[in-house]
C-alpha atoms as a PDB file:
ATOM      1  CA  MET A   1      48.711 -65.260 -19.927  1.00  0.00           C
ATOM      2  CA  GLU A   2      45.126 -64.133 -20.330  1.00  0.00           C
ATOM      3  CA  LYS A   3      44.122 -60.749 -18.938  1.00  0.00           C
ATOM      4  CA  LYS A   4      41.891 -60.817 -15.882  1.00  0.00           C
ATOM      5  CA  TYR A   5      39.859 -57.783 -16.926  1.00  0.00           C
ATOM      6  CA  LEU A   6      39.020 -56.293 -20.315  1.00  0.00           C
ATOM      7  CA  LYS A   7      38.490 -52.604 -21.048  1.00  0.00           C
ATOM      8  CA  ALA A   8      35.242 -51.522 -22.707  1.00  0.00           C
ATOM      9  CA  GLU A   9      36.943 -51.309 -26.124  1.00  0.00           C
ATOM     10  CA  GLU A  10      38.296 -54.851 -25.780  1.00  0.00           C
ATOM     11  CA  ALA A  11      34.987 -56.296 -24.600  1.00  0.00           C
ATOM     12  CA  ALA A  12      33.161 -54.584 -27.476  1.00  0.00           C
ATOM     13  CA  LYS A  13      35.635 -56.064 -29.957  1.00  0.00           C
ATOM     14  CA  HIS A  14      34.986 -59.573 -28.578  1.00  0.00           C
ATOM     15  CA  LEU A  15      31.239 -58.968 -28.924  1.00  0.00           C
ATOM     16  CA  GLY A  16      31.529 -57.610 -32.452  1.00  0.00           C
ATOM     17  CA  VAL A  17      29.932 -54.272 -31.581  1.00  0.00           C
ATOM     18  CA  SER A  18      31.251 -50.753 -31.157  1.00  0.00           C
ATOM     19  CA  LYS A  19      32.184 -49.343 -27.760  1.00  0.00           C
ATOM     20  CA  GLN A  20      29.280 -46.891 -28.081  1.00  0.00           C
ATOM     21  CA  THR A  21      26.833 -49.762 -28.646  1.00  0.00           C
ATOM     22  CA  LEU A  22      28.205 -51.573 -25.600  1.00  0.00           C
ATOM     23  CA  LEU A  23      27.762 -48.478 -23.433  1.00  0.00           C
ATOM     24  CA  ARG A  24      24.289 -47.787 -24.881  1.00  0.00           C
ATOM     25  CA  TYR A  25      23.139 -51.351 -24.078  1.00  0.00           C
ATOM     26  CA  GLU A  26      24.472 -50.972 -20.552  1.00  0.00           C
ATOM     27  CA  LYS A  27      22.657 -47.649 -20.088  1.00  0.00           C
ATOM     28  CA  LYS A  28      19.361 -49.140 -21.361  1.00  0.00           C
ATOM     29  CA  GLY A  29      19.712 -52.103 -18.996  1.00  0.00           C
ATOM     30  CA  ILE A  30      20.210 -54.723 -21.707  1.00  0.00           C
ATOM     31  CA  PHE A  31      23.690 -55.541 -20.366  1.00  0.00           C
ATOM     32  CA  PRO A  32      24.485 -55.614 -16.641  1.00  0.00           C
ATOM     33  CA  SER A  33      26.768 -52.907 -15.300  1.00  0.00           C
ATOM     34  CA  PRO A  34      30.391 -54.040 -15.047  1.00  0.00           C
ATOM     35  CA  ARG A  35      32.680 -53.592 -12.091  1.00  0.00           C
ATOM     36  CA  ARG A  36      34.584 -50.330 -11.937  1.00  0.00           C
ATOM     37  CA  ASN A  37      38.303 -49.881 -11.382  1.00  0.00           C
ATOM     38  CA  LEU A  38      38.787 -48.371  -7.931  1.00  0.00           C
ATOM     39  CA  VAL A  39      41.532 -46.014  -9.078  1.00  0.00           C
ATOM     40  CA  ASN A  40      40.204 -44.534 -12.333  1.00  0.00           C
ATOM     41  CA  GLN A  41      36.558 -45.746 -12.406  1.00  0.00           C
ATOM     42  CA  TRP A  42      36.969 -47.365 -15.848  1.00  0.00           C
ATOM     43  CA  ARG A  43      34.666 -50.267 -16.675  1.00  0.00           C
ATOM     44  CA  GLU A  44      36.267 -53.691 -16.304  1.00  0.00           C
ATOM     45  CA  TYR A  45      34.791 -56.827 -17.874  1.00  0.00           C
ATOM     46  CA  THR A  46      35.680 -60.444 -17.158  1.00  0.00           C
ATOM     47  CA  GLN A  47      35.585 -63.210 -19.760  1.00  0.00           C
ATOM     48  CA  SER A  48      32.466 -64.449 -17.955  1.00  0.00           C
ATOM     49  CA  ASP A  49      30.813 -61.034 -18.428  1.00  0.00           C
ATOM     50  CA  VAL A  50      31.587 -61.148 -22.150  1.00  0.00           C
ATOM     51  CA  GLN A  51      30.142 -64.672 -22.446  1.00  0.00           C
ATOM     52  CA  LYS A  52      26.916 -63.558 -20.719  1.00  0.00           C
ATOM     53  CA  MET A  53      26.610 -60.544 -23.020  1.00  0.00           C
ATOM     54  CA  MET A  54      27.181 -62.768 -26.059  1.00  0.00           C
ATOM     55  CA  LYS A  55      24.254 -64.914 -24.951  1.00  0.00           C
ATOM     56  CA  ILE A  56      22.082 -61.828 -24.510  1.00  0.00           C
ATOM     57  CA  ILE A  57      22.727 -60.628 -28.067  1.00  0.00           C
ATOM     58  CA  GLY A  58      22.463 -64.141 -29.498  1.00  0.00           C
ATOM     59  CA  ARG A  59      26.056 -64.618 -30.604  1.00  0.00           C
ATOM     60  CA  LEU A  60      26.808 -67.721 -28.578  1.00  0.00           C
END
């Protein structure tokens, strides 16, 4: 079964970048802001989000 949401570390691994790079791109507005977990406020990425970010950085 595939996970519904990925943590920042997992999304960064799929993109081939570090977690810090992922967060930096989000802060600069290169990547859209992800949804936040209502309980702990952690970033949550969908597979669709990762695909969109891969297009943005030219890896798709």
